[in-house]
Amino acid sequence: MDALVALAPDVWQLPLQPRSGLNAYLVGDVLIDAGWPWSLGRLLAALEGRRVSAHLLTHAHPDHQGASAALCAARQVPLWCGAADRDVAETAAFASPWRGPRRRLFQLAERIGVPGHRVDRTLREGDAVAGFEVIATPGHTPGHLSLWRPADGVVILGDVVAHHPPPSLSPGLREPAPRVTLDPLQNRRSIRKIAALHPSLVCFGHGPPLANGERFLRWAEGLGSTERA
């Protein structure tokens, strides 16, 4: 795996698993997401010699904030996230928003030992981050955020959509699994919201970046009604 992959001016992908199975990104001097706890060594090595002023979570899930507390401590940077995800990010109580059988999956995730961390800034739609605009994209989690740069059409959308390369069992663009998505219907609305921006480069939390905005738009248009997911 390459340490940092240049995607666009001031935008780098940091693959944390083979085949871009899990990604962090660096935009300017802001680190987006941090993988699992065991991603810390790779993050620190990739960021060595680079200025980092803040660490932003697209959403408070254990595979995205696993190394956040340790990273913030090591680099002495503040943690930012969406306002509606703040409590979970700070307490690491990932199961707290869930009810029913799906709650048990997040209770298992809590046992991995992902720590919470104080959130220094909560972000909302329209906030500016390193030349990007914050877009509220709830559904996967209540406070899920994406980052959009109108100047060149780059979007970093966390887990709003996944992009599975072959030879996975379900290659291509995919909605996040319902078992880990709090409100699939709301997430589908967020997909359409991103598609309406007509992005030219789509960067995923899971999967390789897609430099084909028309393909993303056609896929989103083919999802069907937003009244049922």
C-alpha atoms as a PDB file:
ATOM      1  CA  MET A   1       0.000   0.000   0.000  1.00  0.00           C
ATOM      2  CA  ASP A   2       1.261   3.455  -0.839  1.00  0.00           C
ATOM      3  CA  ALA A   3       1.622   5.777   2.144  1.00  0.00           C
ATOM      4  CA  LEU A   4      -0.054   8.840   0.641  1.00  0.00           C
ATOM      5  CA  VAL A   5      -1.627   8.859  -2.819  1.00  0.00           C
ATOM      6  CA  ALA A   6      -2.034  12.262  -4.466  1.00  0.00           C
ATOM      7  CA  LEU A   7      -5.557  12.591  -5.889  1.00  0.00           C
ATOM      8  CA  ALA A   8      -5.975  16.313  -6.556  1.00  0.00           C
ATOM      9  CA  PRO A   9      -4.318  19.542  -5.424  1.00  0.00           C
ATOM     10  CA  ASP A  10      -3.962  19.359  -1.617  1.00  0.00           C
ATOM     11  CA  VAL A  11      -5.875  16.060  -1.455  1.00  0.00           C
ATOM     12  CA  TRP A  12      -4.210  12.751  -0.576  1.00  0.00           C
ATOM     13  CA  GLN A  13      -5.628   9.307   0.063  1.00  0.00           C
ATOM     14  CA  LEU A  14      -4.122   7.251   2.875  1.00  0.00           C
ATOM     15  CA  PRO A  15      -5.147   3.593   2.287  1.00  0.00           C
ATOM     16  CA  LEU A  16      -5.352   1.806   5.630  1.00  0.00           C
ATOM     17  CA  GLN A  17      -6.216  -1.628   4.213  1.00  0.00           C
ATOM     18  CA  PRO A  18      -5.265  -3.364   0.955  1.00  0.00           C
ATOM     19  CA  ARG A  19      -7.282  -2.476  -2.140  1.00  0.00           C
ATOM     20  CA  SER A  20      -8.471   0.714  -0.417  1.00  0.00           C
ATOM     21  CA  GLY A  21     -10.708  -1.338   1.845  1.00  0.00           C
ATOM     22  CA  LEU A  22     -10.508   1.430   4.436  1.00  0.00           C
ATOM     23  CA  ASN A  23      -9.238   4.953   3.840  1.00  0.00           C
ATOM     24  CA  ALA A  24      -8.195   8.125   5.573  1.00  0.00           C
ATOM     25  CA  TYR A  25      -7.574  11.350   3.665  1.00  0.00           C
ATOM     26  CA  LEU A  26      -5.428  14.423   4.098  1.00  0.00           C
ATOM     27  CA  VAL A  27      -6.894  17.673   2.746  1.00  0.00           C
ATOM     28  CA  GLY A  28      -4.479  20.535   3.158  1.00  0.00           C
ATOM     29  CA  ASP A  29      -3.397  20.074   6.763  1.00  0.00           C
ATOM     30  CA  VAL A  30      -6.564  18.351   8.043  1.00  0.00           C
ATOM     31  CA  LEU A  31      -6.676  14.564   8.491  1.00  0.00           C
ATOM     32  CA  ILE A  32     -10.029  12.979   7.624  1.00  0.00           C
ATOM     33  CA  ASP A  33     -10.819   9.774   9.599  1.00  0.00           C
ATOM     34  CA  ALA A  34      -8.354   7.451  11.302  1.00  0.00           C
ATOM     35  CA  GLY A  35      -9.329   3.804  10.779  1.00  0.00           C
ATOM     36  CA  TRP A  36      -9.127   1.160  13.501  1.00  0.00           C
ATOM     37  CA  PRO A  37      -6.894   1.414  16.598  1.00  0.00           C
ATOM     38  CA  TRP A  38      -4.211  -0.631  14.827  1.00  0.00           C
ATOM     39  CA  SER A  39      -4.097   1.957  12.009  1.00  0.00           C
ATOM     40  CA  LEU A  40      -2.142   4.370  14.214  1.00  0.00           C
ATOM     41  CA  GLY A  41       1.349   3.308  13.140  1.00  0.00           C
ATOM     42  CA  ARG A  42       0.515   3.654   9.471  1.00  0.00           C
ATOM     43  CA  LEU A  43      -1.090   7.042  10.014  1.00  0.00           C
ATOM     44  CA  LEU A  44       1.856   8.436  11.954  1.00  0.00           C
ATOM     45  CA  ALA A  45       4.372   7.104   9.434  1.00  0.00           C
ATOM     46  CA  ALA A  46       2.470   8.585   6.490  1.00  0.00           C
ATOM     47  CA  LEU A  47       2.100  11.952   8.201  1.00  0.00           C
ATOM     48  CA  GLU A  48       5.696  12.218   9.374  1.00  0.00           C
ATOM     49  CA  GLY A  49       7.151  15.560   8.330  1.00  0.00           C
ATOM     50  CA  ARG A  50       3.740  16.936   7.344  1.00  0.00           C
ATOM     51  CA  ARG A  51       1.873  19.655   9.175  1.00  0.00           C
ATOM     52  CA  VAL A  52      -1.474  18.538  10.595  1.00  0.00           C
ATOM     53  CA  SER A  53      -3.629  21.191  12.246  1.00  0.00           C
ATOM     54  CA  ALA A  54      -6.806  19.186  12.948  1.00  0.00           C
ATOM     55  CA  HIS A  55      -8.406  15.756  12.707  1.00  0.00           C
ATOM     56  CA  LEU A  56     -11.944  15.475  11.335  1.00  0.00           C
ATOM     57  CA  LEU A  57     -14.303  12.499  11.553  1.00  0.00           C
ATOM     58  CA  THR A  58     -16.823  11.950   8.790  1.00  0.00           C
ATOM     59  CA  HIS A  59     -18.751   9.977  11.398  1.00  0.00           C
ATOM     60  CA  ALA A  60     -18.390   8.327  14.792  1.00  0.00           C
ATOM     61  CA  HIS A  61     -17.966   4.638  13.955  1.00  0.00           C
ATOM     62  CA  PRO A  62     -15.183   2.468  15.403  1.00  0.00           C
ATOM     63  CA  ASP A  63     -13.534   1.790  12.031  1.00  0.00           C
ATOM     64  CA  HIS A  64     -13.180   5.530  11.411  1.00  0.00           C
ATOM     65  CA  GLN A  65     -12.257   6.861  14.851  1.00  0.00           C
ATOM     66  CA  GLY A  66     -10.341   3.841  16.101  1.00  0.00           C
ATOM     67  CA  ALA A  67      -6.984   5.639  16.162  1.00  0.00           C
ATOM     68  CA  SER A  68      -8.377   9.146  16.654  1.00  0.00           C
ATOM     69  CA  ALA A  69      -7.615   9.578  20.354  1.00  0.00           C
ATOM     70  CA  ALA A  70      -4.051   8.330  19.991  1.00  0.00           C
ATOM     71  CA  LEU A  71      -3.487  10.353  16.820  1.00  0.00           C
ATOM     72  CA  CYS A  72      -4.755  13.559  18.429  1.00  0.00           C
ATOM     73  CA  ALA A  73      -2.505  12.967  21.425  1.00  0.00           C
ATOM     74  CA  ALA A  74       0.556  12.134  19.317  1.00  0.00           C
ATOM     75  CA  ARG A  75       0.195  15.113  16.987  1.00  0.00           C
ATOM     76  CA  GLN A  76      -1.397  17.490  19.509  1.00  0.00           C
ATOM     77  CA  VAL A  77      -4.323  18.340  17.251  1.00  0.00           C
ATOM     78  CA  PRO A  78      -8.034  18.976  17.971  1.00  0.00           C
ATOM     79  CA  LEU A  79     -10.818  16.581  16.991  1.00  0.00           C
ATOM     80  CA  TRP A  80     -13.744  17.802  14.890  1.00  0.00           C
ATOM     81  CA  CYS A  81     -16.980  16.001  13.957  1.00  0.00           C
ATOM     82  CA  GLY A  82     -20.645  16.552  13.188  1.00  0.00           C
ATOM     83  CA  ALA A  83     -22.722  17.961  16.043  1.00  0.00           C
ATOM     84  CA  ALA A  84     -25.091  14.979  16.125  1.00  0.00           C
ATOM     85  CA  ASP A  85     -22.179  12.517  16.424  1.00  0.00           C
ATOM     86  CA  ARG A  86     -20.386  14.378  19.198  1.00  0.00           C
ATOM     87  CA  ASP A  87     -21.647  12.327  22.153  1.00  0.00           C
ATOM     88  CA  VAL A  88     -20.700   9.017  20.542  1.00  0.00           C
ATOM     89  CA  ALA A  89     -17.288  10.319  19.471  1.00  0.00           C
ATOM     90  CA  GLU A  90     -16.546  11.486  23.001  1.00  0.00           C
ATOM     91  CA  THR A  91     -17.864   8.442  24.871  1.00  0.00           C
ATOM     92  CA  ALA A  92     -17.210   5.693  22.290  1.00  0.00           C
ATOM     93  CA  ALA A  93     -20.680   4.388  23.179  1.00  0.00           C
ATOM     94  CA  PHE A  94     -21.244   3.201  19.612  1.00  0.00           C
ATOM     95  CA  ALA A  95     -24.273   1.082  20.527  1.00  0.00           C
ATOM     96  CA  SER A  96     -26.143   3.947  22.205  1.00  0.00           C
ATOM     97  CA  PRO A  97     -28.119   5.155  19.119  1.00  0.00           C
ATOM     98  CA  TRP A  98     -29.227   1.621  18.252  1.00  0.00           C
ATOM     99  CA  ARG A  99     -32.166  -0.554  19.278  1.00  0.00           C
ATOM    100  CA  GLY A 100     -32.954  -4.200  18.541  1.00  0.00           C
ATOM    101  CA  PRO A 101     -30.631  -6.858  17.116  1.00  0.00           C
ATOM    102  CA  ARG A 102     -28.378  -4.367  15.328  1.00  0.00           C
ATOM    103  CA  ARG A 103     -27.393  -2.922  18.706  1.00  0.00           C
ATOM    104  CA  ARG A 104     -25.488  -6.098  19.546  1.00  0.00           C
ATOM    105  CA  LEU A 105     -23.112  -5.614  16.627  1.00  0.00           C
ATOM    106  CA  PHE A 106     -22.027  -2.228  17.973  1.00  0.00           C
ATOM    107  CA  GLN A 107     -21.769  -3.616  21.490  1.00  0.00           C
ATOM    108  CA  LEU A 108     -19.230  -6.070  20.097  1.00  0.00           C
ATOM    109  CA  ALA A 109     -17.400  -3.187  18.440  1.00  0.00           C
ATOM    110  CA  GLU A 110     -17.186  -1.392  21.787  1.00  0.00           C
ATOM    111  CA  ARG A 111     -15.285  -4.364  23.218  1.00  0.00           C
ATOM    112  CA  ILE A 112     -12.463  -3.793  20.732  1.00  0.00           C
ATOM    113  CA  GLY A 113     -11.415  -0.921  22.941  1.00  0.00           C
ATOM    114  CA  VAL A 114     -11.852   2.100  20.689  1.00  0.00           C
ATOM    115  CA  PRO A 115     -11.495   5.100  23.012  1.00  0.00           C
ATOM    116  CA  GLY A 116     -13.525   8.269  22.880  1.00  0.00           C
ATOM    117  CA  HIS A 117     -11.919  11.703  22.722  1.00  0.00           C
ATOM    118  CA  ARG A 118     -13.012  15.231  23.505  1.00  0.00           C
ATOM    119  CA  VAL A 119     -14.469  16.985  20.462  1.00  0.00           C
ATOM    120  CA  ASP A 120     -13.069  20.491  20.176  1.00  0.00           C
ATOM    121  CA  ARG A 121     -15.278  21.689  17.321  1.00  0.00           C
ATOM    122  CA  THR A 122     -18.618  20.542  15.997  1.00  0.00           C
ATOM    123  CA  LEU A 123     -19.176  21.101  12.298  1.00  0.00           C
ATOM    124  CA  ARG A 124     -22.363  21.948  10.455  1.00  0.00           C
ATOM    125  CA  GLU A 125     -23.446  22.382   6.865  1.00  0.00           C
ATOM    126  CA  GLY A 126     -21.647  25.238   5.168  1.00  0.00           C
ATOM    127  CA  ASP A 127     -18.604  25.308   7.450  1.00  0.00           C
ATOM    128  CA  ALA A 128     -15.262  25.678   5.679  1.00  0.00           C
ATOM    129  CA  VAL A 129     -12.472  23.117   6.146  1.00  0.00           C
ATOM    130  CA  ALA A 130      -9.165  23.395   4.247  1.00  0.00           C
ATOM    131  CA  GLY A 131     -10.797  24.759   1.101  1.00  0.00           C
ATOM    132  CA  PHE A 132     -13.746  22.345   1.308  1.00  0.00           C
ATOM    133  CA  GLU A 133     -17.354  22.967   2.285  1.00  0.00           C
ATOM    134  CA  VAL A 134     -18.992  20.779   4.912  1.00  0.00           C
ATOM    135  CA  ILE A 135     -22.096  18.985   3.635  1.00  0.00           C
ATOM    136  CA  ALA A 136     -24.467  17.364   6.131  1.00  0.00           C
ATOM    137  CA  THR A 137     -25.088  13.785   4.936  1.00  0.00           C
ATOM    138  CA  PRO A 138     -26.944  12.005   7.758  1.00  0.00           C
ATOM    139  CA  GLY A 139     -28.302   8.492   7.621  1.00  0.00           C
ATOM    140  CA  HIS A 140     -25.373   6.167   8.188  1.00  0.00           C
ATOM    141  CA  THR A 141     -25.032   8.077  11.463  1.00  0.00           C
ATOM    142  CA  PRO A 142     -27.033  11.107  12.607  1.00  0.00           C
ATOM    143  CA  GLY A 143     -24.076  13.495  12.304  1.00  0.00           C
ATOM    144  CA  HIS A 144     -22.374  12.107   9.211  1.00  0.00           C
ATOM    145  CA  LEU A 145     -20.485  14.750   7.230  1.00  0.00           C
ATOM    146  CA  SER A 146     -19.051  14.925   3.716  1.00  0.00           C
ATOM    147  CA  LEU A 147     -16.601  17.452   2.296  1.00  0.00           C
ATOM    148  CA  TRP A 148     -17.170  19.172  -1.061  1.00  0.00           C
ATOM    149  CA  ARG A 149     -14.864  21.394  -3.106  1.00  0.00           C
ATOM    150  CA  PRO A 150     -16.852  23.179  -5.817  1.00  0.00           C
ATOM    151  CA  ALA A 151     -13.738  24.519  -7.548  1.00  0.00           C
ATOM    152  CA  ASP A 152     -12.844  21.105  -8.978  1.00  0.00           C
ATOM    153  CA  GLY A 153     -15.719  18.813  -7.967  1.00  0.00           C
ATOM    154  CA  VAL A 154     -13.878  16.732  -5.368  1.00  0.00           C
ATOM    155  CA  VAL A 155     -16.075  15.137  -2.699  1.00  0.00           C
ATOM    156  CA  ILE A 156     -15.018  13.059   0.301  1.00  0.00           C
ATOM    157  CA  LEU A 157     -18.137  11.237   1.426  1.00  0.00           C
ATOM    158  CA  GLY A 158     -17.145   8.847   4.202  1.00  0.00           C
ATOM    159  CA  ASP A 159     -19.624   5.969   4.307  1.00  0.00           C
ATOM    160  CA  VAL A 160     -22.538   7.536   2.420  1.00  0.00           C
ATOM    161  CA  VAL A 161     -21.574   5.122  -0.389  1.00  0.00           C
ATOM    162  CA  ALA A 162     -19.031   2.296  -0.610  1.00  0.00           C
ATOM    163  CA  HIS A 163     -17.059   1.368  -3.714  1.00  0.00           C
ATOM    164  CA  HIS A 164     -16.081  -2.290  -3.840  1.00  0.00           C
ATOM    165  CA  PRO A 165     -13.489  -3.306  -6.445  1.00  0.00           C
ATOM    166  CA  PRO A 166     -13.424  -6.770  -8.031  1.00  0.00           C
ATOM    167  CA  PRO A 167     -13.105  -9.559  -7.004  1.00  0.00           C
ATOM    168  CA  SER A 168     -15.374  -8.692  -4.069  1.00  0.00           C
ATOM    169  CA  LEU A 169     -18.694 -10.529  -3.939  1.00  0.00           C
ATOM    170  CA  SER A 170     -20.573  -7.322  -4.783  1.00  0.00           C
ATOM    171  CA  PRO A 171     -18.279  -5.073  -6.832  1.00  0.00           C
ATOM    172  CA  GLY A 172     -19.240  -1.547  -7.747  1.00  0.00           C
ATOM    173  CA  LEU A 173     -20.999   1.283  -5.963  1.00  0.00           C
ATOM    174  CA  ARG A 174     -23.080   0.173  -2.999  1.00  0.00           C
ATOM    175  CA  GLU A 175     -25.237   1.739  -0.328  1.00  0.00           C
ATOM    176  CA  PRO A 176     -23.817   1.071   3.151  1.00  0.00           C
ATOM    177  CA  ALA A 177     -25.106  -2.119   4.751  1.00  0.00           C
ATOM    178  CA  PRO A 178     -28.408  -1.645   6.642  1.00  0.00           C
ATOM    179  CA  ARG A 179     -26.982  -3.515   9.631  1.00  0.00           C
ATOM    180  CA  VAL A 180     -24.575  -0.609  10.263  1.00  0.00           C
ATOM    181  CA  THR A 181     -26.694   2.262   8.901  1.00  0.00           C
ATOM    182  CA  LEU A 182     -29.013   3.896  11.405  1.00  0.00           C
ATOM    183  CA  ASP A 183     -31.453   5.304   8.820  1.00  0.00           C
ATOM    184  CA  PRO A 184     -31.037   3.823   5.307  1.00  0.00           C
ATOM    185  CA  LEU A 185     -33.808   6.032   3.895  1.00  0.00           C
ATOM    186  CA  GLN A 186     -32.156   9.183   5.138  1.00  0.00           C
ATOM    187  CA  ASN A 187     -28.815   7.938   3.824  1.00  0.00           C
ATOM    188  CA  ARG A 188     -30.363   7.489   0.384  1.00  0.00           C
ATOM    189  CA  ARG A 189     -31.466  11.117   0.492  1.00  0.00           C
ATOM    190  CA  SER A 190     -27.873  12.035   1.324  1.00  0.00           C
ATOM    191  CA  ILE A 191     -26.671  10.063  -1.703  1.00  0.00           C
ATOM    192  CA  ARG A 192     -28.980  12.072  -3.934  1.00  0.00           C
ATOM    193  CA  LYS A 193     -27.814  15.280  -2.283  1.00  0.00           C
ATOM    194  CA  ILE A 194     -24.205  14.462  -3.170  1.00  0.00           C
ATOM    195  CA  ALA A 195     -25.109  13.335  -6.693  1.00  0.00           C
ATOM    196  CA  ALA A 196     -26.912  16.642  -7.299  1.00  0.00           C
ATOM    197  CA  LEU A 197     -23.561  18.388  -6.868  1.00  0.00           C
ATOM    198  CA  HIS A 198     -22.235  16.559  -9.956  1.00  0.00           C
ATOM    199  CA  PRO A 199     -18.870  15.611  -8.430  1.00  0.00           C
ATOM    200  CA  SER A 200     -15.933  14.823 -10.696  1.00  0.00           C
ATOM    201  CA  LEU A 201     -13.881  12.843  -8.137  1.00  0.00           C
ATOM    202  CA  VAL A 202     -15.612  10.804  -5.437  1.00  0.00           C
ATOM    203  CA  CYS A 203     -13.535   9.643  -2.457  1.00  0.00           C
ATOM    204  CA  PHE A 204     -14.924   6.851  -0.279  1.00  0.00           C
ATOM    205  CA  GLY A 205     -14.279   5.649   3.233  1.00  0.00           C
ATOM    206  CA  HIS A 206     -14.340   2.124   1.821  1.00  0.00           C
ATOM    207  CA  GLY A 207     -13.080   1.575  -1.709  1.00  0.00           C
ATOM    208  CA  PRO A 208     -10.901   3.268  -4.303  1.00  0.00           C
ATOM    209  CA  PRO A 209     -11.661   6.831  -5.436  1.00  0.00           C
ATOM    210  CA  LEU A 210     -13.844   7.161  -8.515  1.00  0.00           C
ATOM    211  CA  ALA A 211     -12.828   9.737 -11.123  1.00  0.00           C
ATOM    212  CA  ASN A 212     -16.069   9.331 -13.044  1.00  0.00           C
ATOM    213  CA  GLY A 213     -18.779  11.633 -11.771  1.00  0.00           C
ATOM    214  CA  GLU A 214     -21.231  10.623 -14.485  1.00  0.00           C
ATOM    215  CA  ARG A 215     -21.057   7.005 -13.408  1.00  0.00           C
ATOM    216  CA  PHE A 216     -21.754   8.044  -9.827  1.00  0.00           C
ATOM    217  CA  LEU A 217     -24.690  10.192 -10.943  1.00  0.00           C
ATOM    218  CA  ARG A 218     -26.218   7.416 -13.077  1.00  0.00           C
ATOM    219  CA  TRP A 219     -25.904   4.954 -10.210  1.00  0.00           C
ATOM    220  CA  ALA A 220     -27.545   7.359  -7.763  1.00  0.00           C
ATOM    221  CA  GLU A 221     -30.397   8.053 -10.193  1.00  0.00           C
ATOM    222  CA  GLY A 222     -30.985   4.317 -10.505  1.00  0.00           C
ATOM    223  CA  LEU A 223     -31.556   3.760  -6.802  1.00  0.00           C
ATOM    224  CA  GLY A 224     -35.291   4.286  -7.085  1.00  0.00           C
ATOM    225  CA  SER A 225     -37.611   6.124  -4.754  1.00  0.00           C
ATOM    226  CA  THR A 226     -36.260   7.824  -1.653  1.00  0.00           C
ATOM    227  CA  GLU A 227     -39.471   6.796   0.082  1.00  0.00           C
ATOM    228  CA  ARG A 228     -38.085   3.313   0.611  1.00  0.00           C
ATOM    229  CA  ALA A 229     -34.515   2.113   0.858  1.00  0.00           C
END
